[in-house]
Amino acid sequence: MITVKIVRDSDRNITGLYMNGHSGYAEEGTDIICSAASVLLYTAANSLESICGYLDTAVINEDNGNGKVSAQIVVPADANRDRAGTAQTIMRTVEVGLISLAASVNDNGRVYIKVTEEN
């Protein structure tokens, strides 16, 4: 199972996203659920860099032979309200994508991806 933890500050802004595991839906390298989750994560990391100019916000450890990926994105505190707002839009969009993915693939008691939140 892929686990995703979304961390928020006291203002409900997303400050971090942590993802780990393998969905177990299919064999490593052919798993469409892992692929979808990875695309969302890479999109967030690349968007934070390209659009917001946040460098080194993501650490992604790709498959080390066991089919599992671990990744984290930490959103830096930013006094620039426009850029910080854009970063929150990016992170919220990825959150919605991950929650939507989980809702569409988890069925019949089988959980492939679990999204939790921490304050």
PDB file of N, CA and C in Angstrom:
ATOM      1  N   MET A   1       0.838  -1.175   0.000  1.00  0.00           N
ATOM      2  CA  MET A   1       0.000   0.000   0.000  1.00  0.00           C
ATOM      3  C   MET A   1       0.887   1.244   0.000  1.00  0.00           C
ATOM      4  N   ILE A   2       0.451   2.237  -0.740  1.00  0.00           N
ATOM      5  CA  ILE A   2       1.106   3.549  -0.720  1.00  0.00           C
ATOM      6  C   ILE A   2       0.476   4.336   0.415  1.00  0.00           C
ATOM      7  N   THR A   3       1.312   4.912   1.255  1.00  0.00           N
ATOM      8  CA  THR A   3       0.797   5.792   2.299  1.00  0.00           C
ATOM      9  C   THR A   3       1.236   7.217   1.986  1.00  0.00           C
ATOM     10  N   VAL A   4       0.301   8.120   2.138  1.00  0.00           N
ATOM     11  CA  VAL A   4       0.574   9.541   1.915  1.00  0.00           C
ATOM     12  C   VAL A   4       0.167  10.282   3.177  1.00  0.00           C
ATOM     13  N   LYS A   5       1.089  11.072   3.698  1.00  0.00           N
ATOM     14  CA  LYS A   5       0.783  11.909   4.862  1.00  0.00           C
ATOM     15  C   LYS A   5       0.903  13.360   4.426  1.00  0.00           C
ATOM     16  N   ILE A   6      -0.162  14.101   4.655  1.00  0.00           N
ATOM     17  CA  ILE A   6      -0.174  15.525   4.344  1.00  0.00           C
ATOM     18  C   ILE A   6      -0.109  16.281   5.668  1.00  0.00           C
ATOM     19  N   VAL A   7       0.894  17.144   5.792  1.00  0.00           N
ATOM     20  CA  VAL A   7       1.110  17.880   7.032  1.00  0.00           C
ATOM     21  C   VAL A   7       0.689  19.327   6.816  1.00  0.00           C
ATOM     22  N   ARG A   8      -0.055  19.847   7.797  1.00  0.00           N
ATOM     23  CA  ARG A   8      -0.547  21.229   7.730  1.00  0.00           C
ATOM     24  C   ARG A   8      -0.074  22.023   8.947  1.00  0.00           C
ATOM     25  N   ASP A   9       0.021  23.335   8.756  1.00  0.00           N
ATOM     26  CA  ASP A   9       0.333  24.200   9.883  1.00  0.00           C
ATOM     27  C   ASP A   9      -0.964  24.649  10.554  1.00  0.00           C
ATOM     28  N   SER A  10      -0.855  25.517  11.540  1.00  0.00           N
ATOM     29  CA  SER A  10      -2.038  25.952  12.297  1.00  0.00           C
ATOM     30  C   SER A  10      -3.017  26.756  11.447  1.00  0.00           C
ATOM     31  N   ASP A  11      -2.549  27.294  10.313  1.00  0.00           N
ATOM     32  CA  ASP A  11      -3.430  28.032   9.402  1.00  0.00           C
ATOM     33  C   ASP A  11      -4.013  27.131   8.311  1.00  0.00           C
ATOM     34  N   ARG A  12      -3.759  25.812   8.425  1.00  0.00           N
ATOM     35  CA  ARG A  12      -4.250  24.797   7.487  1.00  0.00           C
ATOM     36  C   ARG A  12      -3.508  24.802   6.160  1.00  0.00           C
ATOM     37  N   ASN A  13      -2.383  25.504   6.083  1.00  0.00           N
ATOM     38  CA  ASN A  13      -1.547  25.455   4.887  1.00  0.00           C
ATOM     39  C   ASN A  13      -0.788  24.134   4.868  1.00  0.00           C
ATOM     40  N   ILE A  14      -0.619  23.576   3.697  1.00  0.00           N
ATOM     41  CA  ILE A  14       0.148  22.344   3.564  1.00  0.00           C
ATOM     42  C   ILE A  14       1.633  22.689   3.637  1.00  0.00           C
ATOM     43  N   THR A  15       2.314  22.090   4.600  1.00  0.00           N
ATOM     44  CA  THR A  15       3.743  22.341   4.768  1.00  0.00           C
ATOM     45  C   THR A  15       4.590  21.154   4.312  1.00  0.00           C
ATOM     46  N   GLY A  16       3.973  20.008   4.165  1.00  0.00           N
ATOM     47  CA  GLY A  16       4.717  18.841   3.730  1.00  0.00           C
ATOM     48  C   GLY A  16       3.824  17.746   3.200  1.00  0.00           C
ATOM     49  N   LEU A  17       4.390  16.943   2.328  1.00  0.00           N
ATOM     50  CA  LEU A  17       3.707  15.786   1.775  1.00  0.00           C
ATOM     51  C   LEU A  17       4.729  14.652   1.762  1.00  0.00           C
ATOM     52  N   TYR A  18       4.360  13.545   2.371  1.00  0.00           N
ATOM     53  CA  TYR A  18       5.265  12.397   2.496  1.00  0.00           C
ATOM     54  C   TYR A  18       4.583  11.173   1.903  1.00  0.00           C
ATOM     55  N   MET A  19       5.245  10.492   0.990  1.00  0.00           N
ATOM     56  CA  MET A  19       4.665   9.329   0.334  1.00  0.00           C
ATOM     57  C   MET A  19       5.657   8.175   0.414  1.00  0.00           C
ATOM     58  N   ASN A  20       5.126   6.977   0.675  1.00  0.00           N
ATOM     59  CA  ASN A  20       5.988   5.818   0.810  1.00  0.00           C
ATOM     60  C   ASN A  20       5.230   4.560   0.400  1.00  0.00           C
ATOM     61  N   GLY A  21       5.941   3.615  -0.192  1.00  0.00           N
ATOM     62  CA  GLY A  21       5.377   2.297  -0.434  1.00  0.00           C
ATOM     63  C   GLY A  21       5.160   1.953  -1.888  1.00  0.00           C
ATOM     64  N   HIS A  22       4.438   0.865  -2.070  1.00  0.00           N
ATOM     65  CA  HIS A  22       4.041   0.351  -3.386  1.00  0.00           C
ATOM     66  C   HIS A  22       2.599  -0.094  -3.252  1.00  0.00           C
ATOM     67  N   SER A  23       1.780   0.218  -4.218  1.00  0.00           N
ATOM     68  CA  SER A  23       0.349  -0.064  -4.084  1.00  0.00           C
ATOM     69  C   SER A  23       0.030  -1.552  -4.030  1.00  0.00           C
ATOM     70  N   GLY A  24       0.815  -2.358  -4.711  1.00  0.00           N
ATOM     71  CA  GLY A  24       0.517  -3.785  -4.759  1.00  0.00           C
ATOM     72  C   GLY A  24      -0.567  -4.141  -5.747  1.00  0.00           C
ATOM     73  N   TYR A  25      -0.965  -3.183  -6.557  1.00  0.00           N
ATOM     74  CA  TYR A  25      -2.013  -3.435  -7.556  1.00  0.00           C
ATOM     75  C   TYR A  25      -1.504  -4.356  -8.663  1.00  0.00           C
ATOM     76  N   ALA A  26      -0.271  -4.129  -9.066  1.00  0.00           N
ATOM     77  CA  ALA A  26       0.325  -4.931 -10.133  1.00  0.00           C
ATOM     78  C   ALA A  26       1.819  -5.051  -9.868  1.00  0.00           C
ATOM     79  N   GLU A  27       2.471  -5.839 -10.669  1.00  0.00           N
ATOM     80  CA  GLU A  27       3.906  -6.044 -10.559  1.00  0.00           C
ATOM     81  C   GLU A  27       4.648  -4.714 -10.720  1.00  0.00           C
ATOM     82  N   GLU A  28       5.751  -4.578 -10.000  1.00  0.00           N
ATOM     83  CA  GLU A  28       6.569  -3.372 -10.103  1.00  0.00           C
ATOM     84  C   GLU A  28       6.906  -3.107 -11.569  1.00  0.00           C
ATOM     85  N   GLY A  29       6.794  -1.862 -11.960  1.00  0.00           N
ATOM     86  CA  GLY A  29       7.081  -1.482 -13.336  1.00  0.00           C
ATOM     87  C   GLY A  29       5.852  -1.462 -14.226  1.00  0.00           C
ATOM     88  N   THR A  30       4.757  -2.072 -13.763  1.00  0.00           N
ATOM     89  CA  THR A  30       3.517  -2.085 -14.555  1.00  0.00           C
ATOM     90  C   THR A  30       2.324  -1.601 -13.734  1.00  0.00           C
ATOM     91  N   ASP A  31       2.584  -1.075 -12.567  1.00  0.00           N
ATOM     92  CA  ASP A  31       1.520  -0.696 -11.635  1.00  0.00           C
ATOM     93  C   ASP A  31       0.997   0.710 -11.955  1.00  0.00           C
ATOM     94  N   ILE A  32      -0.233   0.781 -12.451  1.00  0.00           N
ATOM     95  CA  ILE A  32      -0.796   2.069 -12.864  1.00  0.00           C
ATOM     96  C   ILE A  32      -1.133   2.967 -11.677  1.00  0.00           C
ATOM     97  N   ILE A  33      -1.393   2.396 -10.518  1.00  0.00           N
ATOM     98  CA  ILE A  33      -1.684   3.212  -9.340  1.00  0.00           C
ATOM     99  C   ILE A  33      -0.408   3.890  -8.849  1.00  0.00           C
ATOM    100  N   CYS A  34       0.678   3.139  -8.784  1.00  0.00           N
ATOM    101  CA  CYS A  34       1.967   3.748  -8.414  1.00  0.00           C
ATOM    102  C   CYS A  34       2.378   4.816  -9.424  1.00  0.00           C
ATOM    103  N   SER A  35       2.125   4.518 -10.678  1.00  0.00           N
ATOM    104  CA  SER A  35       2.461   5.474 -11.729  1.00  0.00           C
ATOM    105  C   SER A  35       1.676   6.775 -11.560  1.00  0.00           C
ATOM    106  N   ALA A  36       0.392   6.664 -11.308  1.00  0.00           N
ATOM    107  CA  ALA A  36      -0.449   7.854 -11.141  1.00  0.00           C
ATOM    108  C   ALA A  36      -0.008   8.673  -9.929  1.00  0.00           C
ATOM    109  N   ALA A  37       0.269   7.998  -8.811  1.00  0.00           N
ATOM    110  CA  ALA A  37       0.716   8.711  -7.608  1.00  0.00           C
ATOM    111  C   ALA A  37       2.060   9.385  -7.852  1.00  0.00           C
ATOM    112  N   SER A  38       2.949   8.707  -8.560  1.00  0.00           N
ATOM    113  CA  SER A  38       4.262   9.280  -8.870  1.00  0.00           C
ATOM    114  C   SER A  38       4.147  10.507  -9.755  1.00  0.00           C
ATOM    115  N   VAL A  39       3.271  10.452 -10.733  1.00  0.00           N
ATOM    116  CA  VAL A  39       3.072  11.606 -11.620  1.00  0.00           C
ATOM    117  C   VAL A  39       2.600  12.809 -10.821  1.00  0.00           C
ATOM    118  N   LEU A  40       1.673  12.599  -9.910  1.00  0.00           N
ATOM    119  CA  LEU A  40       1.190  13.709  -9.085  1.00  0.00           C
ATOM    120  C   LEU A  40       2.321  14.291  -8.242  1.00  0.00           C
ATOM    121  N   LEU A  41       3.122  13.430  -7.661  1.00  0.00           N
ATOM    122  CA  LEU A  41       4.223  13.892  -6.820  1.00  0.00           C
ATOM    123  C   LEU A  41       5.271  14.650  -7.628  1.00  0.00           C
ATOM    124  N   TYR A  42       5.671  14.102  -8.758  1.00  0.00           N
ATOM    125  CA  TYR A  42       6.659  14.778  -9.603  1.00  0.00           C
ATOM    126  C   TYR A  42       6.109  16.104 -10.135  1.00  0.00           C
ATOM    127  N   THR A  43       4.828  16.144 -10.450  1.00  0.00           N
ATOM    128  CA  THR A  43       4.216  17.389 -10.919  1.00  0.00           C
ATOM    129  C   THR A  43       4.299  18.455  -9.833  1.00  0.00           C
ATOM    130  N   ALA A  44       4.012  18.078  -8.598  1.00  0.00           N
ATOM    131  CA  ALA A  44       4.107  19.038  -7.496  1.00  0.00           C
ATOM    132  C   ALA A  44       5.539  19.544  -7.340  1.00  0.00           C
ATOM    133  N   ALA A  45       6.490  18.622  -7.296  1.00  0.00           N
ATOM    134  CA  ALA A  45       7.890  19.011  -7.115  1.00  0.00           C
ATOM    135  C   ALA A  45       8.365  19.920  -8.239  1.00  0.00           C
ATOM    136  N   ASN A  46       8.073  19.542  -9.467  1.00  0.00           N
ATOM    137  CA  ASN A  46       8.519  20.339 -10.612  1.00  0.00           C
ATOM    138  C   ASN A  46       7.796  21.679 -10.679  1.00  0.00           C
ATOM    139  N   SER A  47       6.527  21.718 -10.305  1.00  0.00           N
ATOM    140  CA  SER A  47       5.776  22.973 -10.315  1.00  0.00           C
ATOM    141  C   SER A  47       6.276  23.925  -9.238  1.00  0.00           C
ATOM    142  N   LEU A  48       6.575  23.402  -8.063  1.00  0.00           N
ATOM    143  CA  LEU A  48       7.117  24.259  -7.005  1.00  0.00           C
ATOM    144  C   LEU A  48       8.435  24.890  -7.433  1.00  0.00           C
ATOM    145  N   GLU A  49       9.224  24.125  -8.172  1.00  0.00           N
ATOM    146  CA  GLU A  49      10.497  24.658  -8.658  1.00  0.00           C
ATOM    147  C   GLU A  49      10.297  25.616  -9.822  1.00  0.00           C
ATOM    148  N   SER A  50       9.538  25.184 -10.820  1.00  0.00           N
ATOM    149  CA  SER A  50       9.384  25.962 -12.049  1.00  0.00           C
ATOM    150  C   SER A  50       8.534  27.218 -11.873  1.00  0.00           C
ATOM    151  N   ILE A  51       7.439  27.092 -11.144  1.00  0.00           N
ATOM    152  CA  ILE A  51       6.507  28.212 -11.008  1.00  0.00           C
ATOM    153  C   ILE A  51       6.866  29.107  -9.820  1.00  0.00           C
ATOM    154  N   CYS A  52       7.207  28.490  -8.685  1.00  0.00           N
ATOM    155  CA  CYS A  52       7.458  29.260  -7.467  1.00  0.00           C
ATOM    156  C   CYS A  52       8.928  29.581  -7.248  1.00  0.00           C
ATOM    157  N   GLY A  53       9.801  28.862  -7.936  1.00  0.00           N
ATOM    158  CA  GLY A  53      11.224  29.081  -7.741  1.00  0.00           C
ATOM    159  C   GLY A  53      11.774  28.419  -6.489  1.00  0.00           C
ATOM    160  N   TYR A  54      11.019  27.493  -5.895  1.00  0.00           N
ATOM    161  CA  TYR A  54      11.484  26.778  -4.711  1.00  0.00           C
ATOM    162  C   TYR A  54      12.389  25.638  -5.158  1.00  0.00           C
ATOM    163  N   LEU A  55      13.656  25.746  -4.849  1.00  0.00           N
ATOM    164  CA  LEU A  55      14.611  24.705  -5.211  1.00  0.00           C
ATOM    165  C   LEU A  55      14.798  23.744  -4.038  1.00  0.00           C
ATOM    166  N   ASP A  56      15.073  22.524  -4.341  1.00  0.00           N
ATOM    167  CA  ASP A  56      15.390  21.521  -3.315  1.00  0.00           C
ATOM    168  C   ASP A  56      14.273  21.312  -2.304  1.00  0.00           C
ATOM    169  N   THR A  57      13.023  21.386  -2.739  1.00  0.00           N
ATOM    170  CA  THR A  57      11.903  21.137  -1.826  1.00  0.00           C
ATOM    171  C   THR A  57      11.543  19.657  -1.779  1.00  0.00           C
ATOM    172  N   ALA A  58      11.977  18.902  -2.771  1.00  0.00           N
ATOM    173  CA  ALA A  58      11.580  17.494  -2.861  1.00  0.00           C
ATOM    174  C   ALA A  58      12.779  16.573  -2.742  1.00  0.00           C
ATOM    175  N   VAL A  59      12.555  15.473  -2.049  1.00  0.00           N
ATOM    176  CA  VAL A  59      13.512  14.373  -1.997  1.00  0.00           C
ATOM    177  C   VAL A  59      12.739  13.138  -2.426  1.00  0.00           C
ATOM    178  N   ILE A  60      13.123  12.573  -3.553  1.00  0.00           N
ATOM    179  CA  ILE A  60      12.417  11.412  -4.083  1.00  0.00           C
ATOM    180  C   ILE A  60      13.416  10.276  -4.232  1.00  0.00           C
ATOM    181  N   ASN A  61      13.183   9.216  -3.496  1.00  0.00           N
ATOM    182  CA  ASN A  61      14.019   8.018  -3.562  1.00  0.00           C
ATOM    183  C   ASN A  61      13.255   6.979  -4.363  1.00  0.00           C
ATOM    184  N   GLU A  62      13.671   6.807  -5.600  1.00  0.00           N
ATOM    185  CA  GLU A  62      12.967   5.892  -6.479  1.00  0.00           C
ATOM    186  C   GLU A  62      13.262   4.452  -6.108  1.00  0.00           C
ATOM    187  N   ASP A  63      12.542   3.577  -6.721  1.00  0.00           N
ATOM    188  CA  ASP A  63      12.630   2.136  -6.500  1.00  0.00           C
ATOM    189  C   ASP A  63      14.074   1.679  -6.296  1.00  0.00           C
ATOM    190  N   ASN A  64      14.314   1.070  -5.153  1.00  0.00           N
ATOM    191  CA  ASN A  64      15.653   0.555  -4.876  1.00  0.00           C
ATOM    192  C   ASN A  64      15.696  -0.972  -5.012  1.00  0.00           C
ATOM    193  N   GLY A  65      14.838  -1.497  -5.864  1.00  0.00           N
ATOM    194  CA  GLY A  65      14.818  -2.925  -6.118  1.00  0.00           C
ATOM    195  C   GLY A  65      13.648  -3.655  -5.495  1.00  0.00           C
ATOM    196  N   ASN A  66      12.918  -2.983  -4.620  1.00  0.00           N
ATOM    197  CA  ASN A  66      11.774  -3.636  -3.991  1.00  0.00           C
ATOM    198  C   ASN A  66      10.442  -3.069  -4.475  1.00  0.00           C
ATOM    199  N   GLY A  67      10.482  -2.181  -5.461  1.00  0.00           N
ATOM    200  CA  GLY A  67       9.263  -1.612  -6.012  1.00  0.00           C
ATOM    201  C   GLY A  67       8.691  -0.471  -5.208  1.00  0.00           C
ATOM    202  N   LYS A  68       9.322  -0.131  -4.096  1.00  0.00           N
ATOM    203  CA  LYS A  68       8.795   0.925  -3.237  1.00  0.00           C
ATOM    204  C   LYS A  68       9.502   2.243  -3.508  1.00  0.00           C
ATOM    205  N   VAL A  69       8.739   3.306  -3.364  1.00  0.00           N
ATOM    206  CA  VAL A  69       9.263   4.650  -3.532  1.00  0.00           C
ATOM    207  C   VAL A  69       9.009   5.407  -2.233  1.00  0.00           C
ATOM    208  N   SER A  70       9.954   6.199  -1.812  1.00  0.00           N
ATOM    209  CA  SER A  70       9.698   7.099  -0.695  1.00  0.00           C
ATOM    210  C   SER A  70      10.022   8.507  -1.174  1.00  0.00           C
ATOM    211  N   ALA A  71       9.184   9.431  -0.774  1.00  0.00           N
ATOM    212  CA  ALA A  71       9.355  10.798  -1.247  1.00  0.00           C
ATOM    213  C   ALA A  71       8.813  11.776  -0.219  1.00  0.00           C
ATOM    214  N   GLN A  72       9.375  12.953  -0.254  1.00  0.00           N
ATOM    215  CA  GLN A  72       8.848  14.026   0.586  1.00  0.00           C
ATOM    216  C   GLN A  72       8.973  15.345  -0.146  1.00  0.00           C
ATOM    217  N   ILE A  73       7.989  16.174   0.066  1.00  0.00           N
ATOM    218  CA  ILE A  73       8.023  17.550  -0.418  1.00  0.00           C
ATOM    219  C   ILE A  73       7.752  18.429   0.793  1.00  0.00           C
ATOM    220  N   VAL A  74       8.674  19.325   1.071  1.00  0.00           N
ATOM    221  CA  VAL A  74       8.505  20.260   2.185  1.00  0.00           C
ATOM    222  C   VAL A  74       8.418  21.659   1.589  1.00  0.00           C
ATOM    223  N   VAL A  75       7.308  22.329   1.856  1.00  0.00           N
ATOM    224  CA  VAL A  75       7.086  23.673   1.323  1.00  0.00           C
ATOM    225  C   VAL A  75       7.734  24.679   2.278  1.00  0.00           C
ATOM    226  N   PRO A  76       8.655  25.490   1.774  1.00  0.00           N
ATOM    227  CA  PRO A  76       9.325  26.449   2.662  1.00  0.00           C
ATOM    228  C   PRO A  76       8.393  27.589   3.075  1.00  0.00           C
ATOM    229  N   ALA A  77       8.659  28.124   4.254  1.00  0.00           N
ATOM    230  CA  ALA A  77       7.939  29.326   4.677  1.00  0.00           C
ATOM    231  C   ALA A  77       8.371  30.457   3.744  1.00  0.00           C
ATOM    232  N   ASP A  78       7.430  31.285   3.353  1.00  0.00           N
ATOM    233  CA  ASP A  78       7.735  32.325   2.368  1.00  0.00           C
ATOM    234  C   ASP A  78       6.972  33.594   2.709  1.00  0.00           C
ATOM    235  N   ALA A  79       7.670  34.693   2.868  1.00  0.00           N
ATOM    236  CA  ALA A  79       7.046  35.977   3.168  1.00  0.00           C
ATOM    237  C   ALA A  79       6.344  36.565   1.944  1.00  0.00           C
ATOM    238  N   ASN A  80       6.691  36.079   0.749  1.00  0.00           N
ATOM    239  CA  ASN A  80       6.043  36.543  -0.472  1.00  0.00           C
ATOM    240  C   ASN A  80       4.676  35.868  -0.570  1.00  0.00           C
ATOM    241  N   ARG A  81       3.616  36.627  -0.284  1.00  0.00           N
ATOM    242  CA  ARG A  81       2.268  36.061  -0.200  1.00  0.00           C
ATOM    243  C   ARG A  81       1.784  35.477  -1.525  1.00  0.00           C
ATOM    244  N   ASP A  82       2.133  36.123  -2.635  1.00  0.00           N
ATOM    245  CA  ASP A  82       1.701  35.600  -3.935  1.00  0.00           C
ATOM    246  C   ASP A  82       2.335  34.243  -4.221  1.00  0.00           C
ATOM    247  N   ARG A  83       3.626  34.157  -4.009  1.00  0.00           N
ATOM    248  CA  ARG A  83       4.334  32.900  -4.271  1.00  0.00           C
ATOM    249  C   ARG A  83       3.868  31.812  -3.298  1.00  0.00           C
ATOM    250  N   ALA A  84       3.685  32.174  -2.028  1.00  0.00           N
ATOM    251  CA  ALA A  84       3.206  31.208  -1.039  1.00  0.00           C
ATOM    252  C   ALA A  84       1.795  30.734  -1.396  1.00  0.00           C
ATOM    253  N   GLY A  85       0.971  31.638  -1.889  1.00  0.00           N
ATOM    254  CA  GLY A  85      -0.382  31.264  -2.310  1.00  0.00           C
ATOM    255  C   GLY A  85      -0.367  30.319  -3.499  1.00  0.00           C
ATOM    256  N   THR A  86       0.530  30.585  -4.434  1.00  0.00           N
ATOM    257  CA  THR A  86       0.670  29.701  -5.593  1.00  0.00           C
ATOM    258  C   THR A  86       1.136  28.310  -5.151  1.00  0.00           C
ATOM    259  N   ALA A  87       2.072  28.270  -4.212  1.00  0.00           N
ATOM    260  CA  ALA A  87       2.557  26.988  -3.694  1.00  0.00           C
ATOM    261  C   ALA A  87       1.424  26.217  -3.032  1.00  0.00           C
ATOM    262  N   GLN A  88       0.564  26.922  -2.306  1.00  0.00           N
ATOM    263  CA  GLN A  88      -0.566  26.242  -1.669  1.00  0.00           C
ATOM    264  C   GLN A  88      -1.561  25.719  -2.709  1.00  0.00           C
ATOM    265  N   THR A  89      -1.744  26.461  -3.775  1.00  0.00           N
ATOM    266  CA  THR A  89      -2.621  25.979  -4.854  1.00  0.00           C
ATOM    267  C   THR A  89      -2.059  24.703  -5.468  1.00  0.00           C
ATOM    268  N   ILE A  90      -0.764  24.677  -5.692  1.00  0.00           N
ATOM    269  CA  ILE A  90      -0.115  23.485  -6.242  1.00  0.00           C
ATOM    270  C   ILE A  90      -0.291  22.308  -5.288  1.00  0.00           C
ATOM    271  N   MET A  91       0.011  22.527  -4.015  1.00  0.00           N
ATOM    272  CA  MET A  91      -0.068  21.431  -3.048  1.00  0.00           C
ATOM    273  C   MET A  91      -1.503  20.959  -2.836  1.00  0.00           C
ATOM    274  N   ARG A  92      -2.431  21.869  -2.814  1.00  0.00           N
ATOM    275  CA  ARG A  92      -3.846  21.491  -2.640  1.00  0.00           C
ATOM    276  C   ARG A  92      -4.337  20.703  -3.853  1.00  0.00           C
ATOM    277  N   THR A  93      -3.890  21.095  -5.046  1.00  0.00           N
ATOM    278  CA  THR A  93      -4.262  20.375  -6.265  1.00  0.00           C
ATOM    279  C   THR A  93      -3.744  18.944  -6.228  1.00  0.00           C
ATOM    280  N   VAL A  94      -2.499  18.765  -5.784  1.00  0.00           N
ATOM    281  CA  VAL A  94      -1.929  17.419  -5.670  1.00  0.00           C
ATOM    282  C   VAL A  94      -2.672  16.628  -4.597  1.00  0.00           C
ATOM    283  N   GLU A  95      -3.030  17.276  -3.498  1.00  0.00           N
ATOM    284  CA  GLU A  95      -3.805  16.610  -2.452  1.00  0.00           C
ATOM    285  C   GLU A  95      -5.132  16.097  -3.019  1.00  0.00           C
ATOM    286  N   VAL A  96      -5.844  16.946  -3.743  1.00  0.00           N
ATOM    287  CA  VAL A  96      -7.115  16.534  -4.348  1.00  0.00           C
ATOM    288  C   VAL A  96      -6.891  15.367  -5.314  1.00  0.00           C
ATOM    289  N   GLY A  97      -5.814  15.432  -6.090  1.00  0.00           N
ATOM    290  CA  GLY A  97      -5.498  14.343  -7.016  1.00  0.00           C
ATOM    291  C   GLY A  97      -5.262  13.028  -6.299  1.00  0.00           C
ATOM    292  N   LEU A  98      -4.498  13.055  -5.211  1.00  0.00           N
ATOM    293  CA  LEU A  98      -4.213  11.833  -4.460  1.00  0.00           C
ATOM    294  C   LEU A  98      -5.465  11.278  -3.788  1.00  0.00           C
ATOM    295  N   ILE A  99      -6.281  12.159  -3.218  1.00  0.00           N
ATOM    296  CA  ILE A  99      -7.533  11.715  -2.593  1.00  0.00           C
ATOM    297  C   ILE A  99      -8.474  11.134  -3.647  1.00  0.00           C
ATOM    298  N   SER A 100      -8.549  11.774  -4.796  1.00  0.00           N
ATOM    299  CA  SER A 100      -9.388  11.267  -5.892  1.00  0.00           C
ATOM    300  C   SER A 100      -8.892   9.916  -6.392  1.00  0.00           C
ATOM    301  N   LEU A 101      -7.577   9.773  -6.507  1.00  0.00           N
ATOM    302  CA  LEU A 101      -6.995   8.501  -6.920  1.00  0.00           C
ATOM    303  C   LEU A 101      -7.375   7.408  -5.929  1.00  0.00           C
ATOM    304  N   ALA A 102      -7.213   7.684  -4.646  1.00  0.00           N
ATOM    305  CA  ALA A 102      -7.561   6.692  -3.625  1.00  0.00           C
ATOM    306  C   ALA A 102      -9.033   6.315  -3.704  1.00  0.00           C
ATOM    307  N   ALA A 103      -9.896   7.299  -3.872  1.00  0.00           N
ATOM    308  CA  ALA A 103     -11.329   7.022  -3.944  1.00  0.00           C
ATOM    309  C   ALA A 103     -11.698   6.174  -5.158  1.00  0.00           C
ATOM    310  N   SER A 104     -10.955   6.329  -6.231  1.00  0.00           N
ATOM    311  CA  SER A 104     -11.306   5.598  -7.456  1.00  0.00           C
ATOM    312  C   SER A 104     -10.715   4.194  -7.518  1.00  0.00           C
ATOM    313  N   VAL A 105      -9.653   3.918  -6.769  1.00  0.00           N
ATOM    314  CA  VAL A 105      -9.008   2.603  -6.888  1.00  0.00           C
ATOM    315  C   VAL A 105      -9.209   1.695  -5.677  1.00  0.00           C
ATOM    316  N   ASN A 106      -9.438   2.263  -4.516  1.00  0.00           N
ATOM    317  CA  ASN A 106      -9.664   1.436  -3.331  1.00  0.00           C
ATOM    318  C   ASN A 106     -11.084   0.891  -3.395  1.00  0.00           C
ATOM    319  N   ASP A 107     -11.208  -0.442  -3.428  1.00  0.00           N
ATOM    320  CA  ASP A 107     -12.549  -1.029  -3.502  1.00  0.00           C
ATOM    321  C   ASP A 107     -12.559  -2.433  -2.919  1.00  0.00           C
ATOM    322  N   ASN A 108     -13.747  -2.888  -2.605  1.00  0.00           N
ATOM    323  CA  ASN A 108     -13.947  -4.242  -2.084  1.00  0.00           C
ATOM    324  C   ASN A 108     -13.020  -4.566  -0.919  1.00  0.00           C
ATOM    325  N   GLY A 109     -12.789  -3.588  -0.056  1.00  0.00           N
ATOM    326  CA  GLY A 109     -11.946  -3.795   1.103  1.00  0.00           C
ATOM    327  C   GLY A 109     -10.454  -3.760   0.817  1.00  0.00           C
ATOM    328  N   ARG A 110     -10.094  -3.578  -0.433  1.00  0.00           N
ATOM    329  CA  ARG A 110      -8.676  -3.529  -0.816  1.00  0.00           C
ATOM    330  C   ARG A 110      -8.232  -2.068  -0.841  1.00  0.00           C
ATOM    331  N   VAL A 111      -7.182  -1.752  -0.084  1.00  0.00           N
ATOM    332  CA  VAL A 111      -6.667  -0.380  -0.027  1.00  0.00           C
ATOM    333  C   VAL A 111      -5.305  -0.361  -0.700  1.00  0.00           C
ATOM    334  N   TYR A 112      -5.217   0.371  -1.804  1.00  0.00           N
ATOM    335  CA  TYR A 112      -3.970   0.496  -2.547  1.00  0.00           C
ATOM    336  C   TYR A 112      -3.216   1.766  -2.181  1.00  0.00           C
ATOM    337  N   ILE A 113      -3.971   2.797  -1.799  1.00  0.00           N
ATOM    338  CA  ILE A 113      -3.362   4.073  -1.422  1.00  0.00           C
ATOM    339  C   ILE A 113      -4.191   4.678  -0.297  1.00  0.00           C
ATOM    340  N   LYS A 114      -3.496   5.146   0.727  1.00  0.00           N
ATOM    341  CA  LYS A 114      -4.154   5.722   1.911  1.00  0.00           C
ATOM    342  C   LYS A 114      -3.588   7.123   2.121  1.00  0.00           C
ATOM    343  N   VAL A 115      -4.474   8.103   2.195  1.00  0.00           N
ATOM    344  CA  VAL A 115      -4.069   9.492   2.400  1.00  0.00           C
ATOM    345  C   VAL A 115      -4.526   9.911   3.788  1.00  0.00           C
ATOM    346  N   THR A 116      -3.577  10.374   4.603  1.00  0.00           N
ATOM    347  CA  THR A 116      -3.900  10.857   5.944  1.00  0.00           C
ATOM    348  C   THR A 116      -3.416  12.293   6.091  1.00  0.00           C
ATOM    349  N   GLU A 117      -3.881  12.923   7.144  1.00  0.00           N
ATOM    350  CA  GLU A 117      -3.525  14.308   7.406  1.00  0.00           C
ATOM    351  C   GLU A 117      -3.016  14.444   8.824  1.00  0.00           C
ATOM    352  N   GLU A 118      -2.044  15.328   8.987  1.00  0.00           N
ATOM    353  CA  GLU A 118      -1.479  15.592  10.312  1.00  0.00           C
ATOM    354  C   GLU A 118      -1.339  17.093  10.489  1.00  0.00           C
ATOM    355  N   ASN A 119      -1.701  17.554  11.668  1.00  0.00           N
ATOM    356  CA  ASN A 119      -1.564  18.981  11.973  1.00  0.00           C
ATOM    357  C   ASN A 119      -0.353  19.206  12.833  1.00  0.00           C
TER     358      ASN A 119
END
